[in-house]
Protein backbone atom coordinates (compact mmCIF):
# COMPACT_ATOMS: atom_id res chain seq x y z
CA MET A 1 -66.04 27.91 -5.82
CA SER A 2 -64.36 28.58 -9.17
CA LEU A 3 -65.89 27.57 -12.49
CA THR A 4 -63.14 24.96 -12.97
CA GLU A 5 -63.89 23.39 -9.58
CA MET A 6 -67.62 23.45 -10.29
CA ALA A 7 -67.12 21.77 -13.65
CA ASP A 8 -64.94 19.05 -12.07
CA ARG A 9 -67.50 18.51 -9.34
CA HIS A 10 -70.27 17.86 -11.88
CA GLY A 11 -68.14 15.73 -14.21
CA LEU A 12 -67.85 18.32 -16.97
CA HIS A 13 -64.80 18.37 -19.21
CA ARG A 14 -63.33 21.04 -21.43
CA VAL A 15 -64.29 20.65 -25.08
CA GLY A 16 -61.37 19.33 -27.10
CA ALA A 17 -59.35 18.40 -24.03
CA ARG A 18 -56.69 15.77 -24.58
CA PRO A 19 -57.74 12.40 -23.11
CA SER A 20 -55.39 10.25 -21.08
CA LEU A 21 -53.01 8.03 -22.99
CA LEU A 22 -54.95 4.84 -22.23
CA ALA A 23 -58.27 6.49 -23.11
CA TYR A 24 -56.72 7.75 -26.35
CA LEU A 25 -55.54 4.26 -27.22
CA LYS A 26 -59.03 2.90 -26.57
CA GLN A 27 -60.67 5.60 -28.71
CA THR A 28 -58.24 4.94 -31.54
CA TRP A 29 -58.95 1.20 -31.44
CA GLU A 30 -62.69 1.93 -31.55
CA ARG A 31 -62.12 3.90 -34.79
CA ARG A 32 -60.34 1.01 -36.54
CA ASP A 33 -63.21 0.55 -39.02
CA PHE A 34 -63.07 4.25 -39.85
CA ILE A 35 -59.31 4.04 -40.39
CA SER A 36 -59.50 1.05 -42.75
CA THR A 37 -62.49 2.47 -44.64
CA MET A 38 -60.79 5.83 -45.09
CA ALA A 39 -57.65 4.10 -46.36
CA ALA A 40 -59.63 2.10 -48.93
CA TYR A 41 -61.54 5.21 -50.02
CA ARG A 42 -58.32 7.19 -50.47
CA MET A 43 -56.89 4.43 -52.64
CA ALA A 44 -59.95 4.43 -54.87
CA GLU A 45 -60.09 8.23 -55.06
CA THR A 46 -56.42 8.59 -55.94
CA ASN A 47 -56.65 6.38 -59.01
CA GLN A 48 -60.21 6.78 -60.26
CA GLU A 49 -59.31 9.59 -62.67
CA ASN A 50 -56.56 7.57 -64.36
CA ARG A 51 -57.36 5.25 -67.24
CA LEU A 52 -55.20 2.49 -65.78
CA GLY A 53 -56.60 3.08 -62.31
CA ALA A 54 -55.06 0.98 -59.55
CA LEU A 55 -52.54 -0.43 -62.03
CA TRP A 56 -50.48 2.71 -61.44
CA LEU A 57 -49.90 1.55 -57.86
CA VAL A 58 -47.55 -1.11 -59.20
CA LEU A 59 -46.47 0.63 -62.40
CA ARG A 60 -44.83 3.51 -60.49
CA PRO A 61 -42.33 1.43 -58.50
CA THR A 62 -41.75 -0.81 -61.52
CA LEU A 63 -40.87 2.14 -63.75
CA ASN A 64 -38.72 3.64 -60.99
CA ALA A 65 -36.83 0.37 -60.63
CA VAL A 66 -36.19 0.25 -64.39
CA ILE A 67 -35.07 3.89 -64.61
CA TYR A 68 -32.88 3.88 -61.51
CA GLY A 69 -31.51 0.46 -62.36
CA LEU A 70 -30.41 1.61 -65.81
CA ILE A 71 -28.88 4.88 -64.60
CA PHE A 72 -27.04 3.50 -61.58
CA GLY A 73 -26.17 0.32 -63.40
CA VAL A 74 -24.28 2.37 -65.98
CA LEU A 75 -22.58 4.49 -63.31
CA GLN A 76 -21.33 1.47 -61.38
CA SER A 77 -18.73 -0.99 -62.56
CA ALA A 78 -19.60 -4.65 -63.16
CA VAL A 79 -17.85 -5.60 -59.92
CA SER A 80 -19.86 -3.06 -57.89
CA ARG A 81 -23.15 -4.07 -59.50
CA GLY A 82 -22.83 -7.79 -58.99
CA GLN A 83 -24.58 -10.53 -60.95
CA ASP A 84 -28.04 -10.01 -59.47
CA TYR A 85 -28.16 -6.23 -59.77
CA ALA A 86 -31.61 -6.15 -61.38
CA ALA A 87 -33.19 -8.09 -58.50
CA HIS A 88 -31.16 -6.01 -56.04
CA VAL A 89 -32.67 -2.78 -57.37
CA VAL A 90 -36.21 -4.15 -57.67
CA ILE A 91 -36.30 -5.12 -54.00
CA GLY A 92 -34.73 -1.84 -52.93
CA VAL A 93 -37.08 0.39 -54.89
CA PHE A 94 -40.30 -1.50 -54.12
CA LEU A 95 -39.68 -1.68 -50.38
CA PHE A 96 -38.31 1.84 -50.00
CA ASP A 97 -41.38 3.19 -51.77
CA PHE A 98 -43.48 2.06 -48.79
CA PHE A 99 -41.38 4.10 -46.37
CA SER A 100 -41.27 7.14 -48.66
CA ALA A 101 -45.07 7.22 -49.05
CA CYS A 102 -45.70 6.93 -45.29
CA PHE A 103 -43.01 9.53 -44.59
CA GLN A 104 -44.33 12.16 -47.01
CA GLN A 105 -48.08 11.52 -47.08
CA GLY A 106 -48.16 11.03 -43.33
CA ALA A 107 -46.81 14.57 -43.05
CA ARG A 108 -49.96 15.87 -44.79
CA ALA A 109 -52.39 13.73 -42.79
CA ILE A 110 -53.50 16.61 -40.56
CA THR A 111 -52.74 19.69 -42.66
CA GLY A 112 -54.40 18.11 -45.70
CA ASN A 113 -57.61 17.32 -43.80
CA ARG A 114 -58.05 20.57 -41.91
CA ALA A 115 -61.81 20.82 -42.54
CA LEU A 116 -62.38 17.32 -41.20
CA VAL A 117 -60.22 17.98 -38.13
CA GLN A 118 -62.05 21.21 -37.31
CA SER A 119 -65.58 19.89 -37.81
CA LEU A 120 -65.58 16.46 -36.12
CA SER A 121 -64.39 15.08 -32.80
CA PHE A 122 -62.27 11.93 -33.13
CA PRO A 123 -58.71 10.85 -32.31
CA ARG A 124 -56.63 12.81 -34.81
CA ILE A 125 -54.10 10.02 -34.91
CA SER A 126 -56.62 8.13 -37.02
CA LEU A 127 -55.54 10.24 -40.01
CA PRO A 128 -51.83 9.31 -40.16
CA LEU A 129 -52.75 5.71 -39.33
CA ALA A 130 -55.17 5.72 -42.28
CA VAL A 131 -52.28 6.84 -44.49
CA VAL A 132 -50.15 3.92 -43.28
CA VAL A 133 -52.99 1.43 -43.84
CA GLU A 134 -53.52 2.82 -47.34
CA GLN A 135 -49.84 2.44 -48.15
CA PHE A 136 -49.83 -1.05 -46.62
CA TYR A 137 -52.60 -2.07 -49.04
CA THR A 138 -50.52 -0.60 -51.86
CA LEU A 139 -47.46 -2.50 -50.65
CA LEU A 140 -49.35 -5.81 -50.76
CA LEU A 141 -50.16 -5.21 -54.43
CA SER A 142 -46.58 -4.18 -55.11
CA LEU A 143 -45.18 -7.27 -53.41
CA ILE A 144 -47.17 -9.50 -55.76
CA VAL A 145 -45.57 -7.76 -58.73
CA MET A 146 -42.15 -7.76 -57.07
CA PHE A 147 -42.34 -11.51 -56.43
CA GLY A 148 -43.33 -12.05 -60.06
CA ILE A 149 -40.36 -10.02 -61.31
CA LEU A 150 -37.98 -11.96 -59.06
CA ILE A 151 -39.30 -15.28 -60.37
CA VAL A 152 -38.80 -14.08 -63.95
CA LEU A 153 -35.25 -13.10 -63.01
CA GLY A 154 -34.63 -16.66 -61.83
CA HIS A 155 -35.14 -16.37 -58.08
CA LEU A 156 -37.61 -19.11 -57.28
CA PRO A 157 -39.60 -19.04 -54.01
CA ASP A 158 -38.76 -21.26 -51.06
CA TRP A 159 -39.62 -21.36 -47.36
CA ARG A 160 -37.47 -18.28 -46.62
CA TRP A 161 -39.95 -16.13 -48.51
CA LEU A 162 -42.42 -16.75 -45.67
CA LEU A 163 -40.17 -14.71 -43.39
CA MET A 164 -41.23 -11.66 -45.39
CA VAL A 165 -44.43 -11.69 -43.32
CA PRO A 166 -42.78 -10.73 -40.00
CA LEU A 167 -40.37 -8.44 -41.86
CA VAL A 168 -43.21 -6.49 -43.46
CA GLY A 169 -44.98 -6.42 -40.08
CA LEU A 170 -41.99 -4.80 -38.36
CA TYR A 171 -41.49 -2.44 -41.29
CA THR A 172 -45.13 -1.35 -41.08
CA LEU A 173 -44.86 -0.59 -37.37
CA PHE A 174 -41.73 1.46 -38.02
CA ASN A 175 -43.40 3.43 -40.83
CA ALA A 176 -46.48 4.04 -38.67
CA GLY A 177 -44.28 5.70 -36.08
CA VAL A 178 -42.58 7.79 -38.77
CA ALA A 179 -45.95 8.90 -40.20
CA MET A 180 -47.24 9.98 -36.77
CA PHE A 181 -44.02 11.88 -36.13
CA THR A 182 -44.07 13.82 -39.42
CA ALA A 183 -47.84 14.42 -39.13
CA ARG A 184 -47.33 16.44 -35.96
CA LEU A 185 -44.18 18.23 -37.13
CA THR A 186 -45.87 19.71 -40.20
CA VAL A 187 -48.72 21.08 -38.06
CA HIS A 188 -46.22 23.31 -36.27
CA PHE A 189 -43.82 23.84 -39.19
CA ARG A 190 -45.80 23.93 -42.43
CA ASP A 191 -42.73 24.51 -44.59
CA LEU A 192 -41.54 21.01 -43.75
CA THR A 193 -43.91 19.65 -46.39
CA GLN A 194 -41.64 21.30 -48.97
CA ILE A 195 -38.46 19.90 -47.40
CA LEU A 196 -39.51 16.30 -46.69
CA PRO A 197 -39.41 15.19 -50.37
CA PHE A 198 -35.73 16.17 -50.46
CA VAL A 199 -35.09 14.33 -47.18
CA SER A 200 -36.82 11.26 -48.60
CA ARG A 201 -34.70 11.43 -51.74
CA ILE A 202 -31.50 11.67 -49.71
CA LEU A 203 -32.54 8.66 -47.64
CA PHE A 204 -33.32 6.77 -50.83
CA TYR A 205 -29.93 7.43 -52.38
CA THR A 206 -28.05 6.62 -49.16
CA SER A 207 -30.04 3.63 -47.86
CA GLY A 208 -28.42 1.07 -50.15
CA ALA A 209 -31.54 0.70 -52.29
CA LEU A 210 -29.48 1.10 -55.47
CA PHE A 211 -26.07 -0.24 -54.53
CA ASP A 212 -24.31 -2.90 -52.50
CA VAL A 213 -23.00 -1.18 -49.39
CA ASN A 214 -20.37 -3.87 -48.71
CA LYS A 215 -18.87 -3.50 -52.19
CA ILE A 216 -19.08 0.28 -52.50
CA PHE A 217 -17.53 0.92 -49.08
CA SER A 218 -15.24 -2.10 -48.90
CA ALA A 219 -12.29 0.25 -48.32
CA HIS A 220 -14.08 2.00 -45.46
CA PRO A 221 -15.22 -0.63 -42.92
CA TRP A 222 -16.39 2.03 -40.47
CA VAL A 223 -19.04 3.17 -42.98
CA ILE A 224 -20.38 -0.39 -43.20
CA GLN A 225 -20.53 -0.50 -39.39
CA VAL A 226 -22.63 2.68 -39.41
CA TYR A 227 -25.00 1.10 -41.94
CA ASP A 228 -25.47 -1.84 -39.60
CA TRP A 229 -27.58 0.49 -37.43
CA HIS A 230 -29.58 1.93 -40.34
CA PRO A 231 -33.20 0.60 -40.07
CA LEU A 232 -33.96 0.97 -43.78
CA TYR A 233 -30.74 -0.78 -44.71
CA GLN A 234 -31.59 -3.56 -42.28
CA VAL A 235 -34.97 -4.08 -43.97
CA LEU A 236 -33.43 -4.18 -47.44
CA THR A 237 -30.58 -6.48 -46.39
CA ILE A 238 -32.89 -8.99 -44.73
CA ALA A 239 -35.32 -8.92 -47.66
CA ARG A 240 -32.58 -9.45 -50.24
CA SER A 241 -31.13 -12.34 -48.30
CA LEU A 242 -34.57 -13.99 -48.00
CA LEU A 243 -35.69 -13.45 -51.57
CA MET A 244 -32.57 -13.32 -53.66
CA THR A 245 -29.10 -14.35 -52.55
CA HIS A 246 -29.79 -16.35 -49.37
CA ALA A 247 -26.48 -14.86 -48.25
CA ALA A 248 -25.65 -14.84 -44.56
CA TYR A 249 -26.38 -11.62 -42.69
CA ASP A 250 -26.15 -10.64 -39.06
CA PRO A 251 -29.23 -12.20 -37.37
CA MET A 252 -29.06 -9.33 -34.90
CA TYR A 253 -30.61 -7.24 -37.68
CA TRP A 254 -33.96 -8.74 -36.65
CA LEU A 255 -33.43 -7.59 -33.07
CA TYR A 256 -32.23 -4.16 -34.13
CA LEU A 257 -35.18 -3.70 -36.48
CA SER A 258 -37.60 -4.84 -33.78
CA GLY A 259 -36.12 -2.23 -31.46
CA TRP A 260 -36.37 0.50 -34.11
CA SER A 261 -39.99 -0.46 -34.81
CA VAL A 262 -41.05 -0.40 -31.15
CA VAL A 263 -39.25 2.88 -30.46
CA ALA A 264 -40.68 4.50 -33.59
CA LEU A 265 -44.23 3.30 -32.92
CA VAL A 266 -44.38 4.13 -29.20
CA GLY A 267 -42.38 7.34 -29.60
CA GLY A 268 -44.42 8.49 -32.59
CA PHE A 269 -47.71 7.73 -30.85
CA CYS A 270 -46.78 9.61 -27.67
CA PHE A 271 -45.26 12.48 -29.65
CA PHE A 272 -48.50 12.87 -31.62
CA TRP A 273 -50.81 12.42 -28.60
CA VAL A 274 -49.11 15.17 -26.58
CA ALA A 275 -50.22 17.79 -29.14
CA GLU A 276 -53.74 16.41 -29.66
CA GLU A 277 -55.40 19.66 -28.50
CA HIS A 278 -53.51 21.74 -31.06
CA TYR A 279 -54.63 19.95 -34.22
CA GLY A 280 -57.14 22.08 -36.08
CA ARG A 281 -56.31 25.13 -33.96
CA ASP A 282 -52.70 25.98 -34.82
């Protein structure tokens, strides 16, 4: 009898072996308190050395919105900007910042916690999920500020604002999948951590966060049709319609975004789980 057969006969398992998908899901759910606690700790640690502390969580997107709004507002004509350009940019910058943080910080979830990964046994997917939870907490603070800015700009709340709840929920699921995907990629390709900021910047400039896609590409309808399948553009378009213009948009955006979110979450989870044995070893 081989050692492998003897181990199986006595119920012994290889140390660090990848559990089944269902077992992995169960173990991850059992670590939910660890994930939320780690997220809260990371938020406190990140800002404790700054005089303004957690205030920077909302100051950063606010300053970005002001800077980008001024620069791109000057570059665009009055027709391209539209009457509500300030609100347009605020929504774009604040919401895109959530994706960008999950995208880039999720990539460092494993490589940035190498000592923890090598010393303790736990589902490694807890680390990118903790990043997403941390950024979700940050988003909630940012949304309060964003709503305040919109009210100052003359966009008063109504019942449509309540639809931001399911929108943020779908957006969070999508970003969780993205974070799990980039977390594994950077384990195998460390140089990606240097490239992802540039990818994030390209996505920011091309997602419609700073301009009206319909006006900029009015002469190229096929470009607008491509944007209709862009998940980040779908999020921004729905949010702007709910909070700002109340303009009609394709209700299929909700279905498309739901599909993107499910695919990203399930795909990202499975993609990360497959390489569970390699984290901390590669």
